[in-house]
């Protein structure tokens, strides 16, 4: 699944988002693209839970 995260602007942002997702699913595969402001993840969790994790880290997230 892929999310648009427009307010992700630096390495600290990506680290915070990755940490938030991994807390919910330690086996998730995560790829952050700062230039495109996107986060792509492979996980068994539903999209809503991943979006909630990103938002819980302080960033807006919209499914692409």
PDB file of N, CA and C in Angstrom:
ATOM      1  N   UNK A   1       0.840  -1.176   0.000  1.00  0.00           N
ATOM      2  CA  UNK A   1       0.000   0.000   0.000  1.00  0.00           C
ATOM      3  C   UNK A   1       0.883   1.236   0.000  1.00  0.00           C
ATOM      4  N   UNK A   2       0.359   2.309  -0.544  1.00  0.00           N
ATOM      5  CA  UNK A   2       1.156   3.529  -0.706  1.00  0.00           C
ATOM      6  C   UNK A   2       0.366   4.726  -0.179  1.00  0.00           C
ATOM      7  N   UNK A   3       1.090   5.605   0.515  1.00  0.00           N
ATOM      8  CA  UNK A   3       0.467   6.783   1.112  1.00  0.00           C
ATOM      9  C   UNK A   3       1.195   8.046   0.677  1.00  0.00           C
ATOM     10  N   UNK A   4       0.426   9.102   0.478  1.00  0.00           N
ATOM     11  CA  UNK A   4       0.985  10.430   0.271  1.00  0.00           C
ATOM     12  C   UNK A   4       1.142  11.058   1.651  1.00  0.00           C
ATOM     13  N   UNK A   5       2.362  11.538   1.941  1.00  0.00           N
ATOM     14  CA  UNK A   5       2.640  12.168   3.238  1.00  0.00           C
ATOM     15  C   UNK A   5       3.305  13.523   2.933  1.00  0.00           C
ATOM     16  N   UNK A   6       2.501  14.533   2.603  1.00  0.00           N
ATOM     17  CA  UNK A   6       3.049  15.803   2.119  1.00  0.00           C
ATOM     18  C   UNK A   6       3.939  16.549   3.109  1.00  0.00           C
ATOM     19  N   UNK A   7       3.755  16.330   4.408  1.00  0.00           N
ATOM     20  CA  UNK A   7       4.561  17.057   5.382  1.00  0.00           C
ATOM     21  C   UNK A   7       5.804  16.285   5.823  1.00  0.00           C
ATOM     22  N   UNK A   8       6.156  15.210   5.122  1.00  0.00           N
ATOM     23  CA  UNK A   8       7.401  14.468   5.377  1.00  0.00           C
ATOM     24  C   UNK A   8       8.505  15.160   4.572  1.00  0.00           C
ATOM     25  N   UNK A   9       9.464  15.773   5.291  1.00  0.00           N
ATOM     26  CA  UNK A   9      10.441  16.616   4.599  1.00  0.00           C
ATOM     27  C   UNK A   9      11.907  16.282   4.865  1.00  0.00           C
ATOM     28  N   UNK A  10      12.190  15.372   5.814  1.00  0.00           N
ATOM     29  CA  UNK A  10      13.593  15.123   6.149  1.00  0.00           C
ATOM     30  C   UNK A  10      13.790  13.703   6.677  1.00  0.00           C
ATOM     31  N   UNK A  11      15.022  13.356   6.938  1.00  0.00           N
ATOM     32  CA  UNK A  11      15.354  12.041   7.454  1.00  0.00           C
ATOM     33  C   UNK A  11      14.722  11.767   8.809  1.00  0.00           C
ATOM     34  N   UNK A  12      14.596  12.797   9.629  1.00  0.00           N
ATOM     35  CA  UNK A  12      13.936  12.618  10.924  1.00  0.00           C
ATOM     36  C   UNK A  12      12.478  12.208  10.723  1.00  0.00           C
ATOM     37  N   UNK A  13      11.836  12.823   9.737  1.00  0.00           N
ATOM     38  CA  UNK A  13      10.440  12.487   9.438  1.00  0.00           C
ATOM     39  C   UNK A  13      10.315  11.013   9.041  1.00  0.00           C
ATOM     40  N   UNK A  14      11.171  10.578   8.135  1.00  0.00           N
ATOM     41  CA  UNK A  14      11.086   9.185   7.678  1.00  0.00           C
ATOM     42  C   UNK A  14      11.357   8.225   8.832  1.00  0.00           C
ATOM     43  N   UNK A  15      12.323   8.555   9.695  1.00  0.00           N
ATOM     44  CA  UNK A  15      12.642   7.694  10.831  1.00  0.00           C
ATOM     45  C   UNK A  15      11.455   7.595  11.789  1.00  0.00           C
ATOM     46  N   UNK A  16      10.773   8.707  12.022  1.00  0.00           N
ATOM     47  CA  UNK A  16       9.623   8.710  12.928  1.00  0.00           C
ATOM     48  C   UNK A  16       8.473   7.885  12.351  1.00  0.00           C
ATOM     49  N   UNK A  17       8.255   8.002  11.049  1.00  0.00           N
ATOM     50  CA  UNK A  17       7.183   7.251  10.395  1.00  0.00           C
ATOM     51  C   UNK A  17       7.505   5.761  10.400  1.00  0.00           C
ATOM     52  N   UNK A  18       8.739   5.414  10.054  1.00  0.00           N
ATOM     53  CA  UNK A  18       9.144   4.006  10.057  1.00  0.00           C
ATOM     54  C   UNK A  18       8.995   3.400  11.455  1.00  0.00           C
ATOM     55  N   UNK A  19       9.412   4.122  12.467  1.00  0.00           N
ATOM     56  CA  UNK A  19       9.309   3.637  13.843  1.00  0.00           C
ATOM     57  C   UNK A  19       7.846   3.403  14.223  1.00  0.00           C
ATOM     58  N   UNK A  20       6.976   4.333  13.859  1.00  0.00           N
ATOM     59  CA  UNK A  20       5.556   4.216  14.200  1.00  0.00           C
ATOM     60  C   UNK A  20       4.925   2.994  13.536  1.00  0.00           C
ATOM     61  N   UNK A  21       5.279   2.746  12.278  1.00  0.00           N
ATOM     62  CA  UNK A  21       4.726   1.583  11.576  1.00  0.00           C
ATOM     63  C   UNK A  21       5.292   0.299  12.163  1.00  0.00           C
ATOM     64  N   UNK A  22       6.592   0.268  12.416  1.00  0.00           N
ATOM     65  CA  UNK A  22       7.223  -0.944  12.942  1.00  0.00           C
ATOM     66  C   UNK A  22       6.751  -1.298  14.343  1.00  0.00           C
ATOM     67  N   UNK A  23       6.289  -0.307  15.103  1.00  0.00           N
ATOM     68  CA  UNK A  23       5.732  -0.593  16.425  1.00  0.00           C
ATOM     69  C   UNK A  23       4.447  -1.402  16.300  1.00  0.00           C
ATOM     70  N   UNK A  24       3.710  -1.188  15.223  1.00  0.00           N
ATOM     71  CA  UNK A  24       2.461  -1.924  15.010  1.00  0.00           C
ATOM     72  C   UNK A  24       2.695  -3.240  14.279  1.00  0.00           C
ATOM     73  N   UNK A  25       3.697  -3.268  13.388  1.00  0.00           N
ATOM     74  CA  UNK A  25       4.025  -4.500  12.652  1.00  0.00           C
ATOM     75  C   UNK A  25       5.538  -4.573  12.469  1.00  0.00           C
ATOM     76  N   UNK A  26       6.234  -5.252  13.378  1.00  0.00           N
ATOM     77  CA  UNK A  26       7.695  -5.336  13.317  1.00  0.00           C
ATOM     78  C   UNK A  26       8.235  -5.979  12.041  1.00  0.00           C
ATOM     79  N   UNK A  27       7.405  -6.711  11.305  1.00  0.00           N
ATOM     80  CA  UNK A  27       7.878  -7.350  10.073  1.00  0.00           C
ATOM     81  C   UNK A  27       7.526  -6.555   8.821  1.00  0.00           C
ATOM     82  N   UNK A  28       6.972  -5.362   8.974  1.00  0.00           N
ATOM     83  CA  UNK A  28       6.591  -4.543   7.819  1.00  0.00           C
ATOM     84  C   UNK A  28       7.827  -4.124   7.024  1.00  0.00           C
ATOM     85  N   UNK A  29       7.672  -4.076   5.704  1.00  0.00           N
ATOM     86  CA  UNK A  29       8.709  -3.536   4.823  1.00  0.00           C
ATOM     87  C   UNK A  29       8.271  -2.127   4.449  1.00  0.00           C
ATOM     88  N   UNK A  30       9.166  -1.156   4.666  1.00  0.00           N
ATOM     89  CA  UNK A  30       8.794   0.250   4.485  1.00  0.00           C
ATOM     90  C   UNK A  30       9.783   0.933   3.556  1.00  0.00           C
ATOM     91  N   UNK A  31       9.249   1.727   2.635  1.00  0.00           N
ATOM     92  CA  UNK A  31      10.086   2.513   1.733  1.00  0.00           C
ATOM     93  C   UNK A  31       9.550   3.942   1.716  1.00  0.00           C
ATOM     94  N   UNK A  32      10.386   4.890   2.138  1.00  0.00           N
ATOM     95  CA  UNK A  32       9.994   6.298   2.146  1.00  0.00           C
ATOM     96  C   UNK A  32      10.719   7.022   1.011  1.00  0.00           C
ATOM     97  N   UNK A  33       9.984   7.846   0.260  1.00  0.00           N
ATOM     98  CA  UNK A  33      10.557   8.642  -0.818  1.00  0.00           C
ATOM     99  C   UNK A  33      10.332  10.111  -0.471  1.00  0.00           C
ATOM    100  N   UNK A  34      11.400  10.755   0.014  1.00  0.00           N
ATOM    101  CA  UNK A  34      11.273  12.163   0.422  1.00  0.00           C
ATOM    102  C   UNK A  34      10.902  13.070  -0.743  1.00  0.00           C
ATOM    103  N   UNK A  35      11.499  12.833  -1.911  1.00  0.00           N
ATOM    104  CA  UNK A  35      11.239  13.684  -3.076  1.00  0.00           C
ATOM    105  C   UNK A  35       9.784  13.653  -3.504  1.00  0.00           C
ATOM    106  N   UNK A  36       9.180  12.479  -3.446  1.00  0.00           N
ATOM    107  CA  UNK A  36       7.787  12.325  -3.855  1.00  0.00           C
ATOM    108  C   UNK A  36       6.822  12.455  -2.680  1.00  0.00           C
ATOM    109  N   UNK A  37       7.356  12.536  -1.456  1.00  0.00           N
ATOM    110  CA  UNK A  37       6.547  12.608  -0.236  1.00  0.00           C
ATOM    111  C   UNK A  37       5.589  11.420  -0.135  1.00  0.00           C
ATOM    112  N   UNK A  38       6.154  10.224  -0.355  1.00  0.00           N
ATOM    113  CA  UNK A  38       5.339   9.016  -0.277  1.00  0.00           C
ATOM    114  C   UNK A  38       5.971   7.992   0.649  1.00  0.00           C
ATOM    115  N   UNK A  39       5.115   7.150   1.198  1.00  0.00           N
ATOM    116  CA  UNK A  39       5.537   6.016   2.019  1.00  0.00           C
ATOM    117  C   UNK A  39       4.843   4.789   1.446  1.00  0.00           C
ATOM    118  N   UNK A  40       5.648   3.786   1.124  1.00  0.00           N
ATOM    119  CA  UNK A  40       5.101   2.527   0.621  1.00  0.00           C
ATOM    120  C   UNK A  40       5.440   1.445   1.628  1.00  0.00           C
ATOM    121  N   UNK A  41       4.485   0.592   1.917  1.00  0.00           N
ATOM    122  CA  UNK A  41       4.719  -0.447   2.908  1.00  0.00           C
ATOM    123  C   UNK A  41       4.071  -1.761   2.503  1.00  0.00           C
ATOM    124  N   UNK A  42       4.741  -2.839   2.867  1.00  0.00           N
ATOM    125  CA  UNK A  42       4.193  -4.185   2.696  1.00  0.00           C
ATOM    126  C   UNK A  42       3.960  -4.721   4.099  1.00  0.00           C
ATOM    127  N   UNK A  43       2.687  -4.967   4.402  1.00  0.00           N
ATOM    128  CA  UNK A  43       2.299  -5.407   5.730  1.00  0.00           C
ATOM    129  C   UNK A  43       0.966  -6.139   5.649  1.00  0.00           C
ATOM    130  N   UNK A  44       0.699  -6.949   6.641  1.00  0.00           N
ATOM    131  CA  UNK A  44      -0.590  -7.649   6.708  1.00  0.00           C
ATOM    132  C   UNK A  44      -1.661  -6.784   7.372  1.00  0.00           C
ATOM    133  N   UNK A  45      -1.242  -5.661   7.937  1.00  0.00           N
ATOM    134  CA  UNK A  45      -2.197  -4.778   8.616  1.00  0.00           C
ATOM    135  C   UNK A  45      -3.060  -4.032   7.610  1.00  0.00           C
ATOM    136  N   UNK A  46      -4.284  -3.650   7.998  1.00  0.00           N
ATOM    137  CA  UNK A  46      -5.151  -2.882   7.096  1.00  0.00           C
ATOM    138  C   UNK A  46      -4.619  -1.463   6.884  1.00  0.00           C
ATOM    139  N   UNK A  47      -4.988  -0.888   5.740  1.00  0.00           N
ATOM    140  CA  UNK A  47      -4.540   0.469   5.399  1.00  0.00           C
ATOM    141  C   UNK A  47      -4.868   1.470   6.496  1.00  0.00           C
ATOM    142  N   UNK A  48      -6.048   1.356   7.078  1.00  0.00           N
ATOM    143  CA  UNK A  48      -6.471   2.307   8.109  1.00  0.00           C
ATOM    144  C   UNK A  48      -5.523   2.288   9.297  1.00  0.00           C
ATOM    145  N   UNK A  49      -5.016   1.127   9.652  1.00  0.00           N
ATOM    146  CA  UNK A  49      -4.108   1.036  10.802  1.00  0.00           C
ATOM    147  C   UNK A  49      -2.751   1.661  10.483  1.00  0.00           C
ATOM    148  N   UNK A  50      -2.271   1.482   9.261  1.00  0.00           N
ATOM    149  CA  UNK A  50      -1.002   2.097   8.860  1.00  0.00           C
ATOM    150  C   UNK A  50      -1.162   3.615   8.789  1.00  0.00           C
ATOM    151  N   UNK A  51      -2.271   4.066   8.229  1.00  0.00           N
ATOM    152  CA  UNK A  51      -2.536   5.509   8.179  1.00  0.00           C
ATOM    153  C   UNK A  51      -2.600   6.085   9.591  1.00  0.00           C
ATOM    154  N   UNK A  52      -3.223   5.359  10.508  1.00  0.00           N
ATOM    155  CA  UNK A  52      -3.310   5.819  11.899  1.00  0.00           C
ATOM    156  C   UNK A  52      -1.926   5.883  12.538  1.00  0.00           C
ATOM    157  N   UNK A  53      -1.058   4.944  12.206  1.00  0.00           N
ATOM    158  CA  UNK A  53       0.302   4.962  12.746  1.00  0.00           C
ATOM    159  C   UNK A  53       1.059   6.194  12.243  1.00  0.00           C
ATOM    160  N   UNK A  54       0.935   6.484  10.942  1.00  0.00           N
ATOM    161  CA  UNK A  54       1.602   7.660  10.367  1.00  0.00           C
ATOM    162  C   UNK A  54       1.056   8.934  11.001  1.00  0.00           C
ATOM    163  N   UNK A  55      -0.258   9.009  11.129  1.00  0.00           N
ATOM    164  CA  UNK A  55      -0.877  10.198  11.722  1.00  0.00           C
ATOM    165  C   UNK A  55      -0.524  10.322  13.200  1.00  0.00           C
ATOM    166  N   UNK A  56      -0.377   9.178  13.881  1.00  0.00           N
ATOM    167  CA  UNK A  56       0.021   9.190  15.273  1.00  0.00           C
ATOM    168  C   UNK A  56       1.444   9.705  15.477  1.00  0.00           C
ATOM    169  N   UNK A  57       2.268   9.589  14.424  1.00  0.00           N
ATOM    170  CA  UNK A  57       3.619  10.120  14.470  1.00  0.00           C
ATOM    171  C   UNK A  57       3.647  11.617  14.159  1.00  0.00           C
ATOM    172  N   UNK A  58       2.484  12.179  13.821  1.00  0.00           N
ATOM    173  CA  UNK A  58       2.384  13.615  13.595  1.00  0.00           C
ATOM    174  C   UNK A  58       2.348  14.053  12.148  1.00  0.00           C
ATOM    175  N   UNK A  59       2.034  13.113  11.234  1.00  0.00           N
ATOM    176  CA  UNK A  59       2.038  13.435   9.807  1.00  0.00           C
ATOM    177  C   UNK A  59       0.700  13.075   9.194  1.00  0.00           C
ATOM    178  N   UNK A  60       0.285  13.851   8.191  1.00  0.00           N
ATOM    179  CA  UNK A  60      -0.949  13.508   7.488  1.00  0.00           C
ATOM    180  C   UNK A  60      -0.647  12.407   6.486  1.00  0.00           C
ATOM    181  N   UNK A  61      -1.633  11.535   6.259  1.00  0.00           N
ATOM    182  CA  UNK A  61      -1.445  10.409   5.348  1.00  0.00           C
ATOM    183  C   UNK A  61      -2.707  10.172   4.542  1.00  0.00           C
ATOM    184  N   UNK A  62      -2.560  10.068   3.229  1.00  0.00           N
ATOM    185  CA  UNK A  62      -3.682   9.768   2.343  1.00  0.00           C
ATOM    186  C   UNK A  62      -3.281   8.601   1.451  1.00  0.00           C
ATOM    187  N   UNK A  63      -4.160   7.636   1.331  1.00  0.00           N
ATOM    188  CA  UNK A  63      -3.895   6.487   0.481  1.00  0.00           C
ATOM    189  C   UNK A  63      -3.819   6.930  -0.981  1.00  0.00           C
ATOM    190  N   UNK A  64      -2.813   6.384  -1.668  1.00  0.00           N
ATOM    191  CA  UNK A  64      -2.670   6.677  -3.111  1.00  0.00           C
ATOM    192  C   UNK A  64      -3.196   5.484  -3.872  1.00  0.00           C
TER     193      UNK A  64
END
